[in-house]
Amino acid sequence: MMSMSDSGDSGQPLLASGESGAGKTVNTKRVIQYFATIAVAGDKKKKEAEPQATGQLKGSLEDQIIAANPLLEAYGNAKTVRNDNSSRFGKFIRIHFGTSGKLASADIETYADKVSYLMGLNSADMLKALCYPRVKVGNEYVTKGQTVPQVLNAVSALAKSVYERMFLWMVIRINQMLDTKQPRQFFIGVLDIAGFEIFDFNSMEQLCINFTNEKLQQFFNHHMFVLEQEEYKKEGIDWEFIDFGMDLAACIELIEKPMGIFAILEEECMFPKASDTTFKNKLYDQHLGKCNAFEKPKPAKGKAEAHFSLVHYAGTVDYNIGGWLDKNKDPLNESVVQLYQKSSVKLLPILYPPVVEGLMQNFLVIHQLRCNGVLEGIRICRKGFPSRILYGDFKQRYKVLNASVIPEGQFIDNKKAAEKLLGSIDVDHTQYKFGHTKVFFKAGLLGTLEEMRDEKLASLVTMTQALCRAYLMRREFVKMMERR
């Protein structure tokens, strides 16, 4: 990946996937720490000499990138059934590199979804705004009384709003610190999202999380099992197509299509008399018996009540639709928002500016690998050719292994040069194939070529150093003889 600047790529994303508690966030931190450490922007002395902006804490860019994680986790993590320190938000971290491959800057996008608490307000004003909000009717405002459930929903919606805005404000501040204004040529992106969740009680939050994972898994399956094999066919590689049976389109369409679960939920939210029962009835009328991914739940004794089941790639999940209509609406109480704008806590008015017209046991590991399609991915990697390089790039990078087979000053076709070069190297010649525009390698062979290249470059550098030292010693010897 760090050689992307040589190949002209603009960016490379990395995705940490797996069910909740699998270790995605920890692996993400390790990846970020690795890239931030090996691609330091400039030497230490240069960075120490750079003036710091007023009010900014001193520290190198790589230190700031690594230090941002604990701050995000402090506000964005919580304890769940599966994980004592579960990420309640997703994040996409872009680490930008300059033309020389050195660290240039970084930025973070987040996808948050939990709640916080309110502060800095007069309790009497807060109570009045929640229980008797002012509602605009035409050109006038009237006071409207609220029921207990309506007040509870308003508190929940406001808390979510405060949390979301506070979290995004913090991310903006971090991004301002990480933005060095240095030139950028490419980036490595690391995506860390909430993992697949199957609890005893699964609600709307679990459906949203599991739907996201379903879409990402489908993306992975399509590129790993379909496009990979189509690439072999396009390049003329002798290959028999394998159907791994990993198409997740049925479940995805059930959730997102025009008359899918999300569409029906949105439709129900538009009707004043809609309820959980009417929502459930519409789901059953539309999908039960018509879609294999939609089932009637059969919860065991002692388990929480469920209203429908979905067959996901990771297993069948029973969902309870209680409160989904209210969760989907999340209406903000404008009377309380106006109080936020006058809060004694300086942060709240900033968050709400006046408006001018989101190591495990073995059997669990195997379950994750099967769910994520990793085992099938390993199978196709073993049978197929997971590594490939354009002929021109291969010639440029590996001609150092045996430069004599490629005559200097004489034109030679890149494909022919690659064939000659590989034919002259001591490797297993059954482990690669020549396509129309690329050379394809079995798993592990490209790593072997990299090791051979490193050894060759090391020997050339050693020889160059020896020749330079010999030349300098001869000059010194001549000077010593002249002084005599």
Protein backbone atom coordinates (compact mmCIF):
# COMPACT_ATOMS: atom_id res chain seq x y z
CA MET A 1 0.00 0.00 0.00
CA MET A 2 2.77 2.41 0.83
CA SER A 3 4.00 2.05 -2.76
CA MET A 4 0.79 3.61 -4.14
CA SER A 5 2.62 6.79 -5.04
CA ASP A 6 4.72 4.73 -7.44
CA SER A 7 1.71 3.15 -9.13
CA GLY A 8 -0.35 6.36 -9.37
CA ASP A 9 -3.32 5.24 -7.25
CA SER A 10 -5.33 8.03 -5.61
CA GLY A 11 -6.41 6.17 -2.48
CA GLN A 12 -6.91 2.82 -0.80
CA PRO A 13 -9.68 2.06 1.73
CA LEU A 14 -9.44 -0.54 4.51
CA LEU A 15 -12.57 -1.97 6.14
CA ALA A 16 -12.62 -3.52 9.63
CA SER A 17 -15.60 -5.91 9.61
CA GLY A 18 -17.03 -8.49 11.98
CA GLU A 19 -19.80 -8.86 14.54
CA SER A 20 -20.03 -6.75 17.70
CA GLY A 21 -17.05 -7.33 20.00
CA ALA A 22 -14.88 -8.93 17.30
CA GLY A 23 -12.05 -6.40 17.74
CA LYS A 24 -12.66 -4.05 14.79
CA THR A 25 -11.86 -0.86 16.69
CA VAL A 26 -8.69 -2.31 18.23
CA ASN A 27 -7.47 -3.46 14.81
CA THR A 28 -8.34 -0.04 13.38
CA LYS A 29 -6.20 1.65 16.04
CA ARG A 30 -3.28 -0.67 15.26
CA VAL A 31 -3.54 0.08 11.52
CA ILE A 32 -3.66 3.84 12.14
CA GLN A 33 -0.71 3.63 14.53
CA TYR A 34 1.27 1.66 11.94
CA PHE A 35 0.68 4.09 9.07
CA ALA A 36 1.16 7.15 11.27
CA THR A 37 4.50 5.78 12.51
CA ILE A 38 6.07 4.65 9.23
CA ALA A 39 5.02 7.71 7.22
CA VAL A 40 6.20 10.57 9.44
CA ALA A 41 5.93 13.99 7.76
CA GLY A 42 9.44 15.46 7.64
CA ASP A 43 12.25 15.06 10.12
CA LYS A 44 11.94 15.80 13.83
CA LYS A 45 14.08 18.93 13.73
CA LYS A 46 11.99 20.50 10.98
CA LYS A 47 8.76 19.91 12.90
CA GLU A 48 10.23 21.28 16.12
CA ALA A 49 11.22 24.46 14.28
CA GLU A 50 7.72 25.05 12.88
CA PRO A 51 5.76 27.77 14.76
CA GLN A 52 2.61 26.62 16.55
CA ALA A 53 -0.70 28.39 16.00
CA THR A 54 -2.03 30.35 18.96
CA GLY A 55 -3.97 28.11 21.34
CA GLN A 56 -2.81 24.88 19.68
CA LEU A 57 -1.22 22.13 21.70
CA LYS A 58 2.24 21.14 20.58
CA GLY A 59 2.73 17.67 19.18
CA SER A 60 3.61 15.92 15.95
CA LEU A 61 0.90 15.09 13.42
CA GLU A 62 1.35 11.34 13.94
CA ASP A 63 0.95 11.82 17.71
CA GLN A 64 -2.22 13.87 17.17
CA ILE A 65 -3.74 11.20 14.90
CA ILE A 66 -3.11 8.48 17.48
CA ALA A 67 -4.24 10.68 20.41
CA ALA A 68 -7.60 11.43 18.74
CA ASN A 69 -8.83 7.85 19.32
CA PRO A 70 -9.09 7.93 23.15
CA LEU A 71 -11.04 11.21 22.93
CA LEU A 72 -13.51 9.77 20.41
CA GLU A 73 -13.92 6.59 22.47
CA ALA A 74 -14.52 8.55 25.68
CA TYR A 75 -17.60 10.17 24.12
CA GLY A 76 -18.62 7.47 21.67
CA ASN A 77 -18.22 4.10 23.43
CA ALA A 78 -20.52 2.31 25.88
CA LYS A 79 -20.96 -1.08 27.53
CA THR A 80 -23.19 -3.63 25.76
CA VAL A 81 -24.06 -7.29 26.28
CA ARG A 82 -21.30 -8.39 23.91
CA ASN A 83 -18.60 -5.80 24.59
CA ASP A 84 -17.61 -3.76 27.66
CA ASN A 85 -16.19 -1.00 25.44
CA SER A 86 -18.41 -1.11 22.36
CA SER A 87 -18.20 1.65 19.73
CA ARG A 88 -21.60 3.31 19.51
CA PHE A 89 -20.53 5.16 16.37
CA GLY A 90 -18.81 4.41 13.09
CA LYS A 91 -15.86 6.33 11.76
CA PHE A 92 -13.96 6.67 8.49
CA ILE A 93 -10.41 7.95 8.94
CA ARG A 94 -8.48 9.24 5.94
CA ILE A 95 -4.70 9.43 6.34
CA HIS A 96 -3.38 11.67 3.55
CA PHE A 97 0.11 11.35 2.08
CA GLY A 98 2.15 13.80 0.02
CA THR A 99 3.94 13.22 -3.27
CA SER A 100 6.95 11.72 -1.46
CA GLY A 101 4.80 9.26 0.50
CA LYS A 102 5.22 11.16 3.77
CA LEU A 103 2.31 11.88 6.12
CA ALA A 104 0.54 15.10 5.05
CA SER A 105 -2.69 15.32 7.09
CA ALA A 106 -5.74 13.36 8.26
CA ASP A 107 -9.49 13.78 8.67
CA ILE A 108 -12.33 11.85 10.28
CA GLU A 109 -15.98 11.26 9.35
CA THR A 110 -18.31 9.81 11.98
CA TYR A 111 -21.68 8.08 12.04
CA ALA A 112 -23.03 8.39 15.61
CA ASP A 113 -26.27 7.06 17.08
CA LYS A 114 -26.66 7.32 20.90
CA VAL A 115 -27.71 9.83 23.58
CA SER A 116 -26.26 12.34 26.06
CA TYR A 117 -27.55 14.56 28.88
CA LEU A 118 -28.66 18.20 28.97
CA MET A 119 -27.14 20.94 31.15
CA GLY A 120 -26.85 24.65 31.78
CA LEU A 121 -30.59 25.44 31.64
CA ASN A 122 -33.13 26.81 34.12
CA SER A 123 -35.07 23.76 35.34
CA ALA A 124 -38.43 25.58 35.47
CA ASP A 125 -38.05 26.89 31.91
CA MET A 126 -36.93 23.45 30.76
CA LEU A 127 -39.96 21.76 32.38
CA LYS A 128 -42.36 24.28 30.87
CA ALA A 129 -40.86 23.94 27.38
CA LEU A 130 -41.11 20.14 27.54
CA CYS A 131 -44.64 19.92 28.95
CA TYR A 132 -46.19 22.94 27.21
CA PRO A 133 -44.22 23.66 24.01
CA ARG A 134 -45.15 26.59 21.79
CA VAL A 135 -46.28 25.35 18.37
CA LYS A 136 -46.61 27.53 15.28
CA VAL A 137 -50.10 27.44 13.77
CA GLY A 138 -50.27 29.60 10.67
CA ASN A 139 -48.66 32.90 11.61
CA GLU A 140 -49.27 32.54 15.35
CA TYR A 141 -47.83 30.47 18.20
CA VAL A 142 -50.04 28.49 20.60
CA THR A 143 -49.21 26.46 23.71
CA LYS A 144 -49.85 22.74 23.37
CA GLY A 145 -50.10 20.32 26.31
CA GLN A 146 -48.16 17.04 26.11
CA THR A 147 -48.82 13.52 27.42
CA VAL A 148 -46.20 11.65 29.45
CA PRO A 149 -45.12 9.45 26.47
CA GLN A 150 -44.83 12.55 24.26
CA VAL A 151 -42.60 14.28 26.84
CA LEU A 152 -40.42 11.17 27.16
CA ASN A 153 -40.05 10.98 23.38
CA ALA A 154 -39.17 14.69 23.24
CA VAL A 155 -36.49 14.27 25.94
CA SER A 156 -35.01 11.31 24.06
CA ALA A 157 -34.98 13.19 20.74
CA LEU A 158 -33.39 16.28 22.31
CA ALA A 159 -30.73 14.24 24.08
CA LYS A 160 -29.86 12.47 20.84
CA SER A 161 -29.65 15.81 19.07
CA VAL A 162 -27.34 17.29 21.73
CA TYR A 163 -25.12 14.24 21.65
CA GLU A 164 -24.93 14.20 17.85
CA ARG A 165 -24.07 17.89 17.57
CA MET A 166 -21.56 17.76 20.42
CA PHE A 167 -19.87 14.73 18.92
CA LEU A 168 -19.69 16.31 15.45
CA TRP A 169 -18.33 19.54 17.01
CA MET A 170 -15.56 17.52 18.66
CA VAL A 171 -14.75 15.75 15.38
CA ILE A 172 -14.56 19.12 13.58
CA ARG A 173 -12.09 20.37 16.21
CA ILE A 174 -9.97 17.23 15.77
CA ASN A 175 -10.02 17.62 11.98
CA GLN A 176 -8.93 21.26 12.30
CA MET A 177 -5.95 20.10 14.36
CA LEU A 178 -5.05 17.37 11.83
CA ASP A 179 -5.39 19.62 8.76
CA THR A 180 -1.81 20.77 8.03
CA LYS A 181 -2.59 22.35 4.60
CA GLN A 182 0.27 20.31 3.12
CA PRO A 183 -0.09 19.00 -0.48
CA ARG A 184 -1.98 15.70 -0.77
CA GLN A 185 -1.66 13.13 -3.52
CA PHE A 186 -3.33 9.98 -2.18
CA PHE A 187 -4.75 8.57 1.05
CA ILE A 188 -5.34 5.36 2.95
CA GLY A 189 -8.81 5.23 4.49
CA VAL A 190 -9.75 3.05 7.46
CA LEU A 191 -13.46 2.38 8.05
CA ASP A 192 -14.60 1.19 11.49
CA ILE A 193 -18.35 0.60 11.91
CA ALA A 194 -20.63 -1.05 14.44
CA GLY A 195 -20.47 -4.82 13.98
CA PHE A 196 -23.36 -7.19 13.27
CA GLU A 197 -25.58 -7.54 16.35
CA ILE A 198 -27.82 -10.45 17.40
CA PHE A 199 -29.22 -9.91 20.90
CA ASP A 200 -32.13 -11.44 22.83
CA PHE A 201 -33.98 -8.18 22.14
CA ASN A 202 -33.33 -6.55 18.75
CA SER A 203 -34.90 -3.22 17.84
CA MET A 204 -34.60 -0.56 15.14
CA GLU A 205 -30.96 0.22 16.05
CA GLN A 206 -29.97 -3.40 15.42
CA LEU A 207 -31.79 -3.41 12.07
CA CYS A 208 -29.91 -0.28 10.93
CA ILE A 209 -26.56 -1.70 12.06
CA ASN A 210 -27.21 -5.13 10.53
CA PHE A 211 -28.47 -3.59 7.26
CA THR A 212 -25.23 -1.60 6.96
CA ASN A 213 -23.18 -4.75 7.55
CA GLU A 214 -25.33 -6.64 5.03
CA LYS A 215 -24.60 -4.00 2.34
CA LEU A 216 -20.86 -4.05 3.07
CA GLN A 217 -20.83 -7.85 3.01
CA GLN A 218 -22.60 -7.83 -0.37
CA PHE A 219 -20.00 -5.35 -1.67
CA PHE A 220 -17.23 -7.65 -0.45
CA ASN A 221 -18.89 -10.76 -1.91
CA HIS A 222 -19.44 -9.11 -5.29
CA HIS A 223 -15.82 -7.98 -5.59
CA MET A 224 -14.34 -11.15 -4.11
CA PHE A 225 -16.44 -13.82 -5.79
CA VAL A 226 -17.85 -12.23 -8.96
CA LEU A 227 -15.60 -9.42 -10.21
CA GLU A 228 -12.47 -11.38 -9.25
CA GLN A 229 -13.48 -14.28 -11.49
CA GLU A 230 -14.66 -11.95 -14.26
CA GLU A 231 -11.19 -10.34 -14.19
CA TYR A 232 -9.61 -13.75 -14.88
CA LYS A 233 -11.93 -14.28 -17.86
CA LYS A 234 -11.28 -10.79 -19.24
CA GLU A 235 -7.51 -11.29 -19.00
CA GLY A 236 -7.67 -14.69 -20.73
CA ILE A 237 -6.71 -16.73 -17.65
CA ASP A 238 -7.79 -20.38 -17.79
CA TRP A 239 -10.43 -20.52 -15.04
CA GLU A 240 -13.68 -22.37 -14.29
CA PHE A 241 -16.32 -20.10 -12.69
CA ILE A 242 -17.29 -21.05 -9.11
CA ASP A 243 -20.65 -20.07 -7.58
CA PHE A 244 -20.13 -19.59 -3.84
CA GLY A 245 -23.83 -18.88 -3.19
CA MET A 246 -23.09 -15.60 -1.37
CA ASP A 247 -25.67 -13.28 -2.98
CA LEU A 248 -27.41 -11.22 -0.27
CA ALA A 249 -29.65 -9.20 -2.60
CA ALA A 250 -32.91 -10.71 -1.26
CA CYS A 251 -32.42 -9.43 2.30
CA ILE A 252 -31.07 -6.04 1.16
CA GLU A 253 -33.99 -5.42 -1.21
CA LEU A 254 -36.45 -6.51 1.48
CA ILE A 255 -35.16 -3.68 3.68
CA GLU A 256 -34.49 -0.87 1.19
CA LYS A 257 -36.70 -1.41 -1.88
CA PRO A 258 -39.68 0.95 -2.53
CA MET A 259 -42.11 -1.25 -0.57
CA GLY A 260 -39.46 -2.58 1.82
CA ILE A 261 -39.29 -2.30 5.61
CA PHE A 262 -37.82 1.22 5.66
CA ALA A 263 -40.31 2.50 3.07
CA ILE A 264 -43.29 1.09 4.98
CA LEU A 265 -41.93 2.59 8.22
CA GLU A 266 -41.64 6.02 6.57
CA GLU A 267 -45.16 5.68 5.19
CA GLU A 268 -46.62 4.77 8.59
CA CYS A 269 -44.95 7.79 10.21
CA MET A 270 -47.02 10.03 7.91
CA PHE A 271 -50.36 8.75 9.29
CA PRO A 272 -51.52 10.26 12.62
CA LYS A 273 -53.34 7.09 13.72
CA ALA A 274 -50.57 4.67 12.75
CA SER A 275 -49.35 2.29 15.46
CA ASP A 276 -46.95 -0.60 15.97
CA THR A 277 -49.82 -2.96 15.13
CA THR A 278 -50.66 -1.28 11.81
CA PHE A 279 -46.94 -1.24 10.95
CA LYS A 280 -46.64 -4.96 11.68
CA ASN A 281 -49.78 -5.79 9.67
CA LYS A 282 -48.44 -3.92 6.63
CA LEU A 283 -45.13 -5.77 6.86
CA TYR A 284 -46.88 -9.13 6.98
CA ASP A 285 -49.27 -8.27 4.13
CA GLN A 286 -46.40 -7.12 1.94
CA HIS A 287 -43.68 -9.70 2.66
CA LEU A 288 -44.77 -12.79 4.64
CA GLY A 289 -44.76 -15.80 2.31
CA LYS A 290 -43.54 -13.64 -0.59
CA CYS A 291 -39.91 -13.15 0.42
CA ASN A 292 -37.71 -15.96 1.75
CA ALA A 293 -35.72 -13.52 3.89
CA PHE A 294 -38.84 -12.45 5.87
CA GLU A 295 -40.18 -14.92 8.43
CA LYS A 296 -42.61 -15.13 11.32
CA PRO A 297 -40.55 -15.37 14.52
CA LYS A 298 -40.58 -18.39 16.80
CA PRO A 299 -38.95 -17.14 20.02
CA ALA A 300 -38.09 -19.76 22.62
CA LYS A 301 -39.68 -19.68 26.06
CA GLY A 302 -38.26 -16.92 28.21
CA LYS A 303 -37.06 -14.92 25.20
CA ALA A 304 -38.21 -11.37 24.47
CA GLU A 305 -41.26 -10.84 22.27
CA ALA A 306 -40.49 -10.52 18.55
CA HIS A 307 -42.69 -9.38 15.66
CA PHE A 308 -40.75 -10.51 12.57
CA SER A 309 -37.51 -12.27 11.63
CA LEU A 310 -34.97 -11.52 8.90
CA VAL A 311 -32.57 -14.05 7.41
CA HIS A 312 -29.24 -12.18 7.38
CA TYR A 313 -25.88 -13.47 6.13
CA ALA A 314 -24.80 -13.91 9.78
CA GLY A 315 -27.96 -15.72 10.85
CA THR A 316 -31.67 -15.21 11.47
CA VAL A 317 -32.49 -12.24 13.72
CA ASP A 318 -35.81 -11.69 15.55
CA TYR A 319 -36.87 -8.02 15.68
CA ASN A 320 -39.24 -6.24 18.08
CA ILE A 321 -40.93 -3.22 16.45
CA GLY A 322 -42.06 -1.56 19.69
CA GLY A 323 -41.57 2.21 19.48
CA TRP A 324 -40.17 2.22 15.93
CA LEU A 325 -42.58 4.91 14.73
CA ASP A 326 -41.52 7.30 17.50
CA LYS A 327 -37.82 6.50 17.02
CA ASN A 328 -38.08 7.20 13.31
CA LYS A 329 -39.77 10.56 13.87
CA ASP A 330 -37.51 11.87 16.70
CA PRO A 331 -39.19 15.33 16.55
CA LEU A 332 -37.21 18.13 18.17
CA ASN A 333 -38.99 20.35 20.70
CA GLU A 334 -38.31 23.81 19.27
CA SER A 335 -39.16 25.49 22.58
CA VAL A 336 -36.28 23.64 24.26
CA VAL A 337 -33.97 24.34 21.32
CA GLN A 338 -34.56 28.06 21.90
CA LEU A 339 -33.49 27.55 25.54
CA TYR A 340 -30.31 25.84 24.32
CA GLN A 341 -29.43 29.00 22.42
CA LYS A 342 -29.47 30.93 25.73
CA SER A 343 -27.72 28.26 27.84
CA SER A 344 -25.05 29.25 30.38
CA VAL A 345 -22.89 26.45 29.00
CA LYS A 346 -21.01 28.18 26.18
CA LEU A 347 -20.92 25.05 24.02
CA LEU A 348 -24.71 24.67 23.65
CA PRO A 349 -25.32 27.97 21.78
CA ILE A 350 -22.46 26.97 19.44
CA LEU A 351 -24.14 23.61 18.78
CA TYR A 352 -27.52 25.28 18.16
CA PRO A 353 -26.90 28.53 16.27
CA PRO A 354 -30.00 30.57 15.38
CA VAL A 355 -31.49 29.49 12.07
CA VAL A 356 -31.68 32.20 9.39
CA GLU A 357 -34.33 31.39 6.83
CA GLY A 358 -24.88 10.03 12.95
CA LEU A 359 -9.75 -12.39 21.99
CA MET A 360 -12.79 -14.57 21.52
CA GLN A 361 -13.47 -18.24 21.83
CA ASN A 362 -12.63 -20.50 18.85
CA PHE A 363 -16.23 -21.35 17.95
CA LEU A 364 -17.10 -17.64 17.85
CA VAL A 365 -14.10 -16.90 15.63
CA ILE A 366 -15.12 -19.65 13.18
CA HIS A 367 -18.70 -18.31 13.24
CA GLN A 368 -17.44 -14.83 12.35
CA LEU A 369 -15.25 -16.15 9.55
CA ARG A 370 -18.16 -18.06 8.04
CA CYS A 371 -20.56 -15.12 8.42
CA ASN A 372 -18.18 -12.66 6.79
CA GLY A 373 -17.36 -14.92 3.85
CA VAL A 374 -13.70 -15.04 4.90
CA LEU A 375 -13.46 -18.82 4.50
CA GLU A 376 -14.82 -18.61 0.94
CA GLY A 377 -12.46 -15.70 0.31
CA ILE A 378 -9.52 -17.85 1.44
CA ARG A 379 -10.70 -20.63 -0.87
CA ILE A 380 -10.78 -18.40 -3.95
CA CYS A 381 -7.41 -16.89 -2.97
CA ARG A 382 -5.87 -20.35 -2.77
CA LYS A 383 -7.38 -21.48 -6.05
CA GLY A 384 -7.08 -18.17 -7.86
CA PHE A 385 -4.55 -15.39 -8.37
CA PRO A 386 -5.15 -12.70 -5.72
CA SER A 387 -2.17 -10.55 -6.75
CA ARG A 388 -1.76 -8.93 -10.14
CA ILE A 389 0.41 -6.16 -11.65
CA LEU A 390 0.36 -4.34 -14.99
CA TYR A 391 3.25 -5.46 -17.20
CA GLY A 392 4.84 -2.01 -17.30
CA ASP A 393 4.76 -1.67 -13.51
CA PHE A 394 6.16 -5.19 -13.05
CA LYS A 395 9.04 -4.49 -15.43
CA GLN A 396 9.84 -1.18 -13.72
CA ARG A 397 9.77 -2.59 -10.18
CA TYR A 398 11.42 -6.00 -10.58
CA LYS A 399 13.94 -5.59 -13.43
CA VAL A 400 16.57 -5.13 -10.70
CA LEU A 401 16.31 -8.90 -10.07
CA ASN A 402 17.98 -9.63 -13.42
CA ALA A 403 18.55 -6.48 -15.46
CA SER A 404 20.66 -8.33 -18.05
CA VAL A 405 17.59 -9.99 -19.64
CA ILE A 406 16.17 -6.56 -20.56
CA PRO A 407 18.61 -4.85 -22.99
CA GLU A 408 19.29 -1.17 -22.26
CA GLY A 409 18.48 1.32 -25.02
CA GLN A 410 16.48 -1.25 -26.96
CA PHE A 411 12.67 -1.25 -27.10
CA ILE A 412 11.04 -4.38 -25.76
CA ASP A 413 7.34 -5.02 -25.21
CA ASN A 414 6.38 -4.85 -21.53
CA LYS A 415 4.67 -8.25 -21.63
CA LYS A 416 7.68 -9.85 -23.33
CA ALA A 417 9.98 -8.20 -20.77
CA ALA A 418 7.90 -9.60 -17.89
CA GLU A 419 7.95 -13.09 -19.45
CA LYS A 420 11.75 -12.97 -19.86
CA LEU A 421 12.28 -11.60 -16.37
CA LEU A 422 10.10 -14.20 -14.62
CA GLY A 423 11.59 -16.97 -16.75
CA SER A 424 15.09 -16.05 -15.56
CA ILE A 425 14.24 -15.97 -11.84
CA ASP A 426 14.40 -19.03 -9.58
CA VAL A 427 10.70 -19.29 -8.61
CA ASP A 428 7.92 -21.86 -9.10
CA HIS A 429 6.78 -21.07 -12.65
CA THR A 430 3.39 -22.75 -12.10
CA GLN A 431 2.49 -20.02 -9.58
CA TYR A 432 1.82 -17.25 -12.11
CA LYS A 433 -0.15 -16.66 -15.31
CA PHE A 434 0.12 -14.06 -18.05
CA GLY A 435 -3.06 -12.15 -18.92
CA HIS A 436 -3.63 -9.65 -21.73
CA THR A 437 -2.46 -6.62 -19.71
CA LYS A 438 -1.33 -8.01 -16.35
CA VAL A 439 0.67 -10.81 -14.80
CA PHE A 440 -1.28 -12.76 -12.13
CA PHE A 441 0.30 -14.43 -9.09
CA LYS A 442 -0.78 -17.15 -6.69
CA ALA A 443 -0.91 -16.18 -3.01
CA GLY A 444 2.57 -15.68 -1.56
CA LEU A 445 4.62 -15.42 -4.75
CA LEU A 446 4.54 -11.62 -4.92
CA GLY A 447 5.77 -11.53 -1.32
CA THR A 448 8.66 -13.79 -2.33
CA LEU A 449 9.54 -11.46 -5.20
CA GLU A 450 9.49 -8.50 -2.79
CA GLU A 451 11.91 -10.30 -0.45
CA MET A 452 14.21 -11.11 -3.40
CA ARG A 453 14.06 -7.46 -4.49
CA ASP A 454 14.90 -6.24 -0.98
CA GLU A 455 17.89 -8.60 -0.81
CA LYS A 456 19.10 -7.48 -4.25
CA LEU A 457 18.78 -3.80 -3.37
CA ALA A 458 20.58 -4.40 -0.06
CA SER A 459 23.48 -6.10 -1.85
CA LEU A 460 23.66 -3.28 -4.43
CA VAL A 461 23.67 -0.66 -1.68
CA THR A 462 26.39 -2.56 0.19
CA MET A 463 28.47 -2.82 -2.98
CA THR A 464 28.00 0.90 -3.70
CA GLN A 465 29.06 1.76 -0.16
CA ALA A 466 32.13 -0.48 -0.48
CA LEU A 467 33.17 1.14 -3.77
CA CYS A 468 32.71 4.64 -2.32
CA ARG A 469 34.70 3.80 0.79
CA ALA A 470 37.45 2.21 -1.31
CA TYR A 471 37.62 5.31 -3.50
CA LEU A 472 37.83 7.61 -0.45
CA MET A 473 40.52 5.45 1.15
CA ARG A 474 42.57 5.48 -2.06
CA ARG A 475 42.35 9.28 -2.18
CA GLU A 476 43.41 9.47 1.46
CA PHE A 477 46.29 7.08 0.77
CA VAL A 478 47.49 9.20 -2.17
CA LYS A 479 47.38 12.34 0.01
CA MET A 480 49.37 10.58 2.73
CA MET A 481 52.01 9.53 0.18
CA GLU A 482 52.23 13.09 -1.19
CA ARG A 483 52.77 14.53 2.31
CA ARG A 484 55.78 12.25 2.74
